[in-house]
């Protein structure tokens, strides 16, 4: 098994354990509360350049049990939502909790089709026992997938290295926001935004495609 496959397998096992322990709750996807989860959704959804009445497609990459689906559906009536997660039990839970979303819009392997937008919340935080260099390569490779999968833009969040040292944990990854901003600017688009002004120890990057 190569490094990328091992990381995905380890992460899927970790989140399956969280789901088994906490059920389909914010803690089941390793968040503290629904309030903090929705703050994150507010930030990453800023990449969407659509009125509430215009139709567009969106892939929730690392969707967990699909908690972003009702959040987005309340705000964008014409959204074509799709969810992908590497943990099959998460997808089973997502289908059960979101019966209004067609079952064929949930994936356990990365889809081959493209979408207007790709959003990812929290998928780069839990590095477990993997080295910093392995994890950084994993992030860059996954961002390249976002770029290939999206037509109009993508967004993601990461824990920030500007966190209080006494609260930082060894199994989590704390990224350099400037380094990821630079990577996205050089590799994907001239239209990149770094959001680091909200009340969580993380940042969000928005990448908008030109043309």
C-alpha atoms as a PDB file:
ATOM      1  CA  UNK A   1       0.000   0.000   0.000  1.00  0.00           C
ATOM      2  CA  UNK A   2       1.461   3.378  -1.011  1.00  0.00           C
ATOM      3  CA  UNK A   3       1.679   6.342   1.374  1.00  0.00           C
ATOM      4  CA  UNK A   4      -1.472   8.082   0.079  1.00  0.00           C
ATOM      5  CA  UNK A   5      -3.551   4.899   0.303  1.00  0.00           C
ATOM      6  CA  UNK A   6      -2.259   4.212   3.814  1.00  0.00           C
ATOM      7  CA  UNK A   7      -3.178   7.721   4.944  1.00  0.00           C
ATOM      8  CA  UNK A   8      -6.701   7.365   3.575  1.00  0.00           C
ATOM      9  CA  UNK A   9      -7.115   3.971   5.219  1.00  0.00           C
ATOM     10  CA  UNK A  10      -5.899   5.277   8.580  1.00  0.00           C
ATOM     11  CA  UNK A  11      -8.142   8.355   8.400  1.00  0.00           C
ATOM     12  CA  UNK A  12     -11.188   6.250   7.451  1.00  0.00           C
ATOM     13  CA  UNK A  13     -10.543   3.964  10.438  1.00  0.00           C
ATOM     14  CA  UNK A  14     -10.160   6.952  12.766  1.00  0.00           C
ATOM     15  CA  UNK A  15     -13.437   8.564  11.742  1.00  0.00           C
ATOM     16  CA  UNK A  16     -15.320   5.253  11.762  1.00  0.00           C
ATOM     17  CA  UNK A  17     -14.252   4.975  15.391  1.00  0.00           C
ATOM     18  CA  UNK A  18     -15.475   8.499  16.153  1.00  0.00           C
ATOM     19  CA  UNK A  19     -18.829   7.728  14.543  1.00  0.00           C
ATOM     20  CA  UNK A  20     -19.161   4.508  16.542  1.00  0.00           C
ATOM     21  CA  UNK A  21     -18.340   6.365  19.772  1.00  0.00           C
ATOM     22  CA  UNK A  22     -20.421   9.527  19.322  1.00  0.00           C
ATOM     23  CA  UNK A  23     -22.956   8.697  16.610  1.00  0.00           C
ATOM     24  CA  UNK A  24     -24.056  11.179  13.929  1.00  0.00           C
ATOM     25  CA  UNK A  25     -23.217  14.278  15.975  1.00  0.00           C
ATOM     26  CA  UNK A  26     -20.558  16.985  15.506  1.00  0.00           C
ATOM     27  CA  UNK A  27     -18.261  14.951  17.810  1.00  0.00           C
ATOM     28  CA  UNK A  28     -18.813  11.996  15.495  1.00  0.00           C
ATOM     29  CA  UNK A  29     -16.786  13.910  12.885  1.00  0.00           C
ATOM     30  CA  UNK A  30     -14.396  15.326  15.510  1.00  0.00           C
ATOM     31  CA  UNK A  31     -15.933  18.798  15.908  1.00  0.00           C
ATOM     32  CA  UNK A  32     -16.806  20.328  19.266  1.00  0.00           C
ATOM     33  CA  UNK A  33     -20.283  21.600  18.425  1.00  0.00           C
ATOM     34  CA  UNK A  34     -22.749  22.358  15.653  1.00  0.00           C
ATOM     35  CA  UNK A  35     -22.087  26.061  16.237  1.00  0.00           C
ATOM     36  CA  UNK A  36     -18.388  25.733  15.359  1.00  0.00           C
ATOM     37  CA  UNK A  37     -19.270  23.424  12.461  1.00  0.00           C
ATOM     38  CA  UNK A  38     -21.589  26.069  11.002  1.00  0.00           C
ATOM     39  CA  UNK A  39     -18.943  28.777  11.430  1.00  0.00           C
ATOM     40  CA  UNK A  40     -16.710  26.648   9.227  1.00  0.00           C
ATOM     41  CA  UNK A  41     -19.480  26.139   6.677  1.00  0.00           C
ATOM     42  CA  UNK A  42     -20.030  29.908   6.577  1.00  0.00           C
ATOM     43  CA  UNK A  43     -16.388  30.407   5.628  1.00  0.00           C
ATOM     44  CA  UNK A  44     -15.847  27.684   3.039  1.00  0.00           C
ATOM     45  CA  UNK A  45     -19.156  28.429   1.279  1.00  0.00           C
ATOM     46  CA  UNK A  46     -17.929  31.948   0.490  1.00  0.00           C
ATOM     47  CA  UNK A  47     -16.310  30.501  -2.633  1.00  0.00           C
ATOM     48  CA  UNK A  48     -19.791  29.996  -4.120  1.00  0.00           C
ATOM     49  CA  UNK A  49     -20.600  32.763  -6.567  1.00  0.00           C
ATOM     50  CA  UNK A  50     -24.282  32.063  -7.120  1.00  0.00           C
ATOM     51  CA  UNK A  51     -27.567  33.630  -6.202  1.00  0.00           C
ATOM     52  CA  UNK A  52     -29.880  31.369  -4.229  1.00  0.00           C
ATOM     53  CA  UNK A  53     -31.999  30.790  -7.339  1.00  0.00           C
ATOM     54  CA  UNK A  54     -29.301  29.691  -9.814  1.00  0.00           C
ATOM     55  CA  UNK A  55     -28.565  26.005 -10.299  1.00  0.00           C
ATOM     56  CA  UNK A  56     -25.046  24.684  -9.677  1.00  0.00           C
ATOM     57  CA  UNK A  57     -23.354  21.458  -8.603  1.00  0.00           C
ATOM     58  CA  UNK A  58     -21.169  20.969  -5.543  1.00  0.00           C
ATOM     59  CA  UNK A  59     -19.074  18.117  -4.164  1.00  0.00           C
ATOM     60  CA  UNK A  60     -18.719  17.952  -0.382  1.00  0.00           C
ATOM     61  CA  UNK A  61     -15.329  16.230  -0.217  1.00  0.00           C
ATOM     62  CA  UNK A  62     -15.023  14.365   3.082  1.00  0.00           C
ATOM     63  CA  UNK A  63     -18.716  14.842   3.774  1.00  0.00           C
ATOM     64  CA  UNK A  64     -18.943  12.706   6.902  1.00  0.00           C
ATOM     65  CA  UNK A  65     -22.621  12.038   7.644  1.00  0.00           C
ATOM     66  CA  UNK A  66     -23.705  14.861   5.343  1.00  0.00           C
ATOM     67  CA  UNK A  67     -24.268  17.709   7.809  1.00  0.00           C
ATOM     68  CA  UNK A  68     -23.358  20.269   5.149  1.00  0.00           C
ATOM     69  CA  UNK A  69     -26.254  19.153   2.938  1.00  0.00           C
ATOM     70  CA  UNK A  70     -29.103  20.760   4.969  1.00  0.00           C
ATOM     71  CA  UNK A  71     -26.943  23.835   5.631  1.00  0.00           C
ATOM     72  CA  UNK A  72     -26.431  24.417   1.896  1.00  0.00           C
ATOM     73  CA  UNK A  73     -29.933  23.385   0.871  1.00  0.00           C
ATOM     74  CA  UNK A  74     -31.401  26.048   3.171  1.00  0.00           C
ATOM     75  CA  UNK A  75     -29.340  28.722   1.411  1.00  0.00           C
ATOM     76  CA  UNK A  76     -29.226  27.505  -2.204  1.00  0.00           C
ATOM     77  CA  UNK A  77     -32.524  26.038  -3.369  1.00  0.00           C
ATOM     78  CA  UNK A  78     -31.173  24.930  -6.754  1.00  0.00           C
ATOM     79  CA  UNK A  79     -27.996  23.234  -5.548  1.00  0.00           C
ATOM     80  CA  UNK A  80     -27.098  19.813  -6.933  1.00  0.00           C
ATOM     81  CA  UNK A  81     -25.292  18.413  -3.900  1.00  0.00           C
ATOM     82  CA  UNK A  82     -22.978  15.389  -3.964  1.00  0.00           C
ATOM     83  CA  UNK A  83     -21.107  13.892  -1.017  1.00  0.00           C
ATOM     84  CA  UNK A  84     -17.903  11.852  -0.914  1.00  0.00           C
ATOM     85  CA  UNK A  85     -16.315  10.201   2.108  1.00  0.00           C
ATOM     86  CA  UNK A  86     -13.724   7.440   2.362  1.00  0.00           C
ATOM     87  CA  UNK A  87     -15.453   5.919   5.409  1.00  0.00           C
ATOM     88  CA  UNK A  88     -18.338   3.722   4.170  1.00  0.00           C
ATOM     89  CA  UNK A  89     -20.147   3.906   7.519  1.00  0.00           C
ATOM     90  CA  UNK A  90     -20.226   7.686   7.220  1.00  0.00           C
ATOM     91  CA  UNK A  91     -21.891   7.441   3.817  1.00  0.00           C
ATOM     92  CA  UNK A  92     -24.446   4.967   5.158  1.00  0.00           C
ATOM     93  CA  UNK A  93     -25.267   7.416   7.939  1.00  0.00           C
ATOM     94  CA  UNK A  94     -25.399  10.320   5.460  1.00  0.00           C
ATOM     95  CA  UNK A  95     -27.970   8.517   3.323  1.00  0.00           C
ATOM     96  CA  UNK A  96     -30.094   7.742   6.385  1.00  0.00           C
ATOM     97  CA  UNK A  97     -29.980  11.304   7.741  1.00  0.00           C
ATOM     98  CA  UNK A  98     -30.597  13.011   4.388  1.00  0.00           C
ATOM     99  CA  UNK A  99     -33.354  11.084   2.609  1.00  0.00           C
ATOM    100  CA  UNK A 100     -34.150  14.062   0.356  1.00  0.00           C
ATOM    101  CA  UNK A 101     -30.740  13.724  -1.301  1.00  0.00           C
ATOM    102  CA  UNK A 102     -30.783  10.998  -3.996  1.00  0.00           C
ATOM    103  CA  UNK A 103     -28.832   7.915  -2.933  1.00  0.00           C
ATOM    104  CA  UNK A 104     -26.748   7.925  -6.111  1.00  0.00           C
ATOM    105  CA  UNK A 105     -25.200  11.261  -5.086  1.00  0.00           C
ATOM    106  CA  UNK A 106     -23.174   9.724  -2.260  1.00  0.00           C
ATOM    107  CA  UNK A 107     -19.740   8.242  -3.036  1.00  0.00           C
ATOM    108  CA  UNK A 108     -17.210   6.137  -1.127  1.00  0.00           C
ATOM    109  CA  UNK A 109     -14.558   6.545  -3.830  1.00  0.00           C
ATOM    110  CA  UNK A 110     -13.503   9.753  -5.495  1.00  0.00           C
ATOM    111  CA  UNK A 111     -15.924  10.496  -8.370  1.00  0.00           C
ATOM    112  CA  UNK A 112     -14.703  10.854 -11.946  1.00  0.00           C
ATOM    113  CA  UNK A 113     -17.172  13.590 -12.944  1.00  0.00           C
ATOM    114  CA  UNK A 114     -16.595  17.313 -12.407  1.00  0.00           C
ATOM    115  CA  UNK A 115     -18.592  19.815 -10.349  1.00  0.00           C
ATOM    116  CA  UNK A 116     -18.937  23.581 -10.257  1.00  0.00           C
ATOM    117  CA  UNK A 117     -17.506  23.678  -6.730  1.00  0.00           C
ATOM    118  CA  UNK A 118     -15.626  21.403  -4.350  1.00  0.00           C
ATOM    119  CA  UNK A 119     -15.776  22.162  -0.602  1.00  0.00           C
ATOM    120  CA  UNK A 120     -13.821  20.348   2.108  1.00  0.00           C
ATOM    121  CA  UNK A 121     -14.122  20.951   5.836  1.00  0.00           C
ATOM    122  CA  UNK A 122     -11.779  19.353   8.334  1.00  0.00           C
ATOM    123  CA  UNK A 123     -10.169  16.686   6.175  1.00  0.00           C
ATOM    124  CA  UNK A 124      -6.580  17.882   6.648  1.00  0.00           C
ATOM    125  CA  UNK A 125      -6.491  18.058  10.441  1.00  0.00           C
ATOM    126  CA  UNK A 126      -5.929  14.507  11.718  1.00  0.00           C
ATOM    127  CA  UNK A 127      -2.506  13.290  10.607  1.00  0.00           C
ATOM    128  CA  UNK A 128      -2.295  10.581  13.296  1.00  0.00           C
ATOM    129  CA  UNK A 129       1.198   9.022  13.232  1.00  0.00           C
ATOM    130  CA  UNK A 130       2.175  10.202   9.766  1.00  0.00           C
ATOM    131  CA  UNK A 131       5.152  12.500   9.342  1.00  0.00           C
ATOM    132  CA  UNK A 132       4.815  16.187   8.526  1.00  0.00           C
ATOM    133  CA  UNK A 133       6.367  15.648   5.097  1.00  0.00           C
ATOM    134  CA  UNK A 134       3.960  12.792   4.276  1.00  0.00           C
ATOM    135  CA  UNK A 135       0.994  14.861   5.400  1.00  0.00           C
ATOM    136  CA  UNK A 136       2.021  17.947   3.450  1.00  0.00           C
ATOM    137  CA  UNK A 137       2.376  15.821   0.308  1.00  0.00           C
ATOM    138  CA  UNK A 138      -1.049  14.342   0.989  1.00  0.00           C
ATOM    139  CA  UNK A 139      -2.567  17.823   1.275  1.00  0.00           C
ATOM    140  CA  UNK A 140      -0.963  19.033  -1.949  1.00  0.00           C
ATOM    141  CA  UNK A 141      -2.050  15.927  -3.873  1.00  0.00           C
ATOM    142  CA  UNK A 142      -5.610  16.270  -2.552  1.00  0.00           C
ATOM    143  CA  UNK A 143      -5.734  19.937  -3.541  1.00  0.00           C
ATOM    144  CA  UNK A 144      -4.695  18.924  -7.049  1.00  0.00           C
ATOM    145  CA  UNK A 145      -7.688  16.576  -7.030  1.00  0.00           C
ATOM    146  CA  UNK A 146      -9.940  19.473  -5.982  1.00  0.00           C
ATOM    147  CA  UNK A 147      -8.608  21.458  -8.920  1.00  0.00           C
ATOM    148  CA  UNK A 148      -9.326  18.610 -11.361  1.00  0.00           C
ATOM    149  CA  UNK A 149     -12.792  17.985  -9.936  1.00  0.00           C
ATOM    150  CA  UNK A 150     -13.969  21.616  -9.930  1.00  0.00           C
ATOM    151  CA  UNK A 151     -14.953  23.934 -12.767  1.00  0.00           C
ATOM    152  CA  UNK A 152     -15.548  27.215 -10.910  1.00  0.00           C
ATOM    153  CA  UNK A 153     -13.638  26.916  -7.659  1.00  0.00           C
ATOM    154  CA  UNK A 154     -12.868  25.051  -4.469  1.00  0.00           C
ATOM    155  CA  UNK A 155     -12.339  25.798  -0.790  1.00  0.00           C
ATOM    156  CA  UNK A 156     -10.948  24.074   2.284  1.00  0.00           C
ATOM    157  CA  UNK A 157      -9.949  24.717   5.882  1.00  0.00           C
ATOM    158  CA  UNK A 158      -6.952  23.677   7.982  1.00  0.00           C
ATOM    159  CA  UNK A 159      -5.871  24.122  11.582  1.00  0.00           C
ATOM    160  CA  UNK A 160      -3.432  27.029  11.859  1.00  0.00           C
ATOM    161  CA  UNK A 161       0.120  26.967  13.145  1.00  0.00           C
ATOM    162  CA  UNK A 162      -0.804  30.206  14.963  1.00  0.00           C
ATOM    163  CA  UNK A 163      -2.548  28.193  17.675  1.00  0.00           C
ATOM    164  CA  UNK A 164      -1.821  28.390  21.392  1.00  0.00           C
ATOM    165  CA  UNK A 165       1.021  25.870  22.002  1.00  0.00           C
ATOM    166  CA  UNK A 166      -0.520  24.498  25.190  1.00  0.00           C
ATOM    167  CA  UNK A 167      -3.591  23.354  23.250  1.00  0.00           C
ATOM    168  CA  UNK A 168      -1.825  21.825  20.240  1.00  0.00           C
ATOM    169  CA  UNK A 169      -1.919  18.030  19.922  1.00  0.00           C
ATOM    170  CA  UNK A 170       0.711  15.747  18.376  1.00  0.00           C
ATOM    171  CA  UNK A 171      -1.740  13.793  16.229  1.00  0.00           C
ATOM    172  CA  UNK A 172      -3.137  16.935  14.555  1.00  0.00           C
ATOM    173  CA  UNK A 173      -1.643  18.945  11.696  1.00  0.00           C
ATOM    174  CA  UNK A 174      -1.207  22.712  12.086  1.00  0.00           C
ATOM    175  CA  UNK A 175      -0.487  24.288   8.722  1.00  0.00           C
ATOM    176  CA  UNK A 176       1.302  27.441   7.655  1.00  0.00           C
ATOM    177  CA  UNK A 177      -1.451  29.546   6.040  1.00  0.00           C
ATOM    178  CA  UNK A 178       1.024  31.583   4.000  1.00  0.00           C
ATOM    179  CA  UNK A 179       2.633  28.461   2.536  1.00  0.00           C
ATOM    180  CA  UNK A 180      -0.705  27.006   1.425  1.00  0.00           C
ATOM    181  CA  UNK A 181      -1.860  30.344   0.060  1.00  0.00           C
ATOM    182  CA  UNK A 182       1.348  30.560  -1.980  1.00  0.00           C
ATOM    183  CA  UNK A 183       0.946  26.985  -3.234  1.00  0.00           C
ATOM    184  CA  UNK A 184      -2.643  27.611  -4.376  1.00  0.00           C
ATOM    185  CA  UNK A 185      -1.734  30.943  -5.973  1.00  0.00           C
ATOM    186  CA  UNK A 186       1.162  29.487  -7.930  1.00  0.00           C
ATOM    187  CA  UNK A 187      -0.463  26.204  -8.929  1.00  0.00           C
ATOM    188  CA  UNK A 188      -4.177  26.851  -9.405  1.00  0.00           C
ATOM    189  CA  UNK A 189      -5.374  30.430  -9.860  1.00  0.00           C
ATOM    190  CA  UNK A 190      -4.573  34.105  -9.499  1.00  0.00           C
ATOM    191  CA  UNK A 191      -7.851  34.498  -7.592  1.00  0.00           C
ATOM    192  CA  UNK A 192      -7.147  33.056  -4.142  1.00  0.00           C
ATOM    193  CA  UNK A 193      -8.406  34.330  -0.778  1.00  0.00           C
ATOM    194  CA  UNK A 194      -7.036  33.512   2.677  1.00  0.00           C
ATOM    195  CA  UNK A 195      -9.551  33.881   5.532  1.00  0.00           C
ATOM    196  CA  UNK A 196      -7.912  33.933   8.937  1.00  0.00           C
ATOM    197  CA  UNK A 197     -10.149  36.397  10.767  1.00  0.00           C
ATOM    198  CA  UNK A 198     -12.818  34.254  12.403  1.00  0.00           C
ATOM    199  CA  UNK A 199     -12.939  32.913  15.935  1.00  0.00           C
ATOM    200  CA  UNK A 200     -11.469  29.433  15.454  1.00  0.00           C
ATOM    201  CA  UNK A 201      -7.857  28.229  15.457  1.00  0.00           C
ATOM    202  CA  UNK A 202      -7.868  27.562  11.743  1.00  0.00           C
ATOM    203  CA  UNK A 203      -7.999  29.277   8.377  1.00  0.00           C
ATOM    204  CA  UNK A 204      -9.930  28.863   5.139  1.00  0.00           C
ATOM    205  CA  UNK A 205      -8.635  29.201   1.589  1.00  0.00           C
ATOM    206  CA  UNK A 206     -10.918  29.988  -1.365  1.00  0.00           C
ATOM    207  CA  UNK A 207      -9.703  29.268  -4.899  1.00  0.00           C
ATOM    208  CA  UNK A 208     -11.780  30.756  -7.693  1.00  0.00           C
ATOM    209  CA  UNK A 209     -11.240  29.662 -11.283  1.00  0.00           C
ATOM    210  CA  UNK A 210     -10.873  32.383 -13.876  1.00  0.00           C
ATOM    211  CA  UNK A 211     -12.771  32.622 -17.107  1.00  0.00           C
END
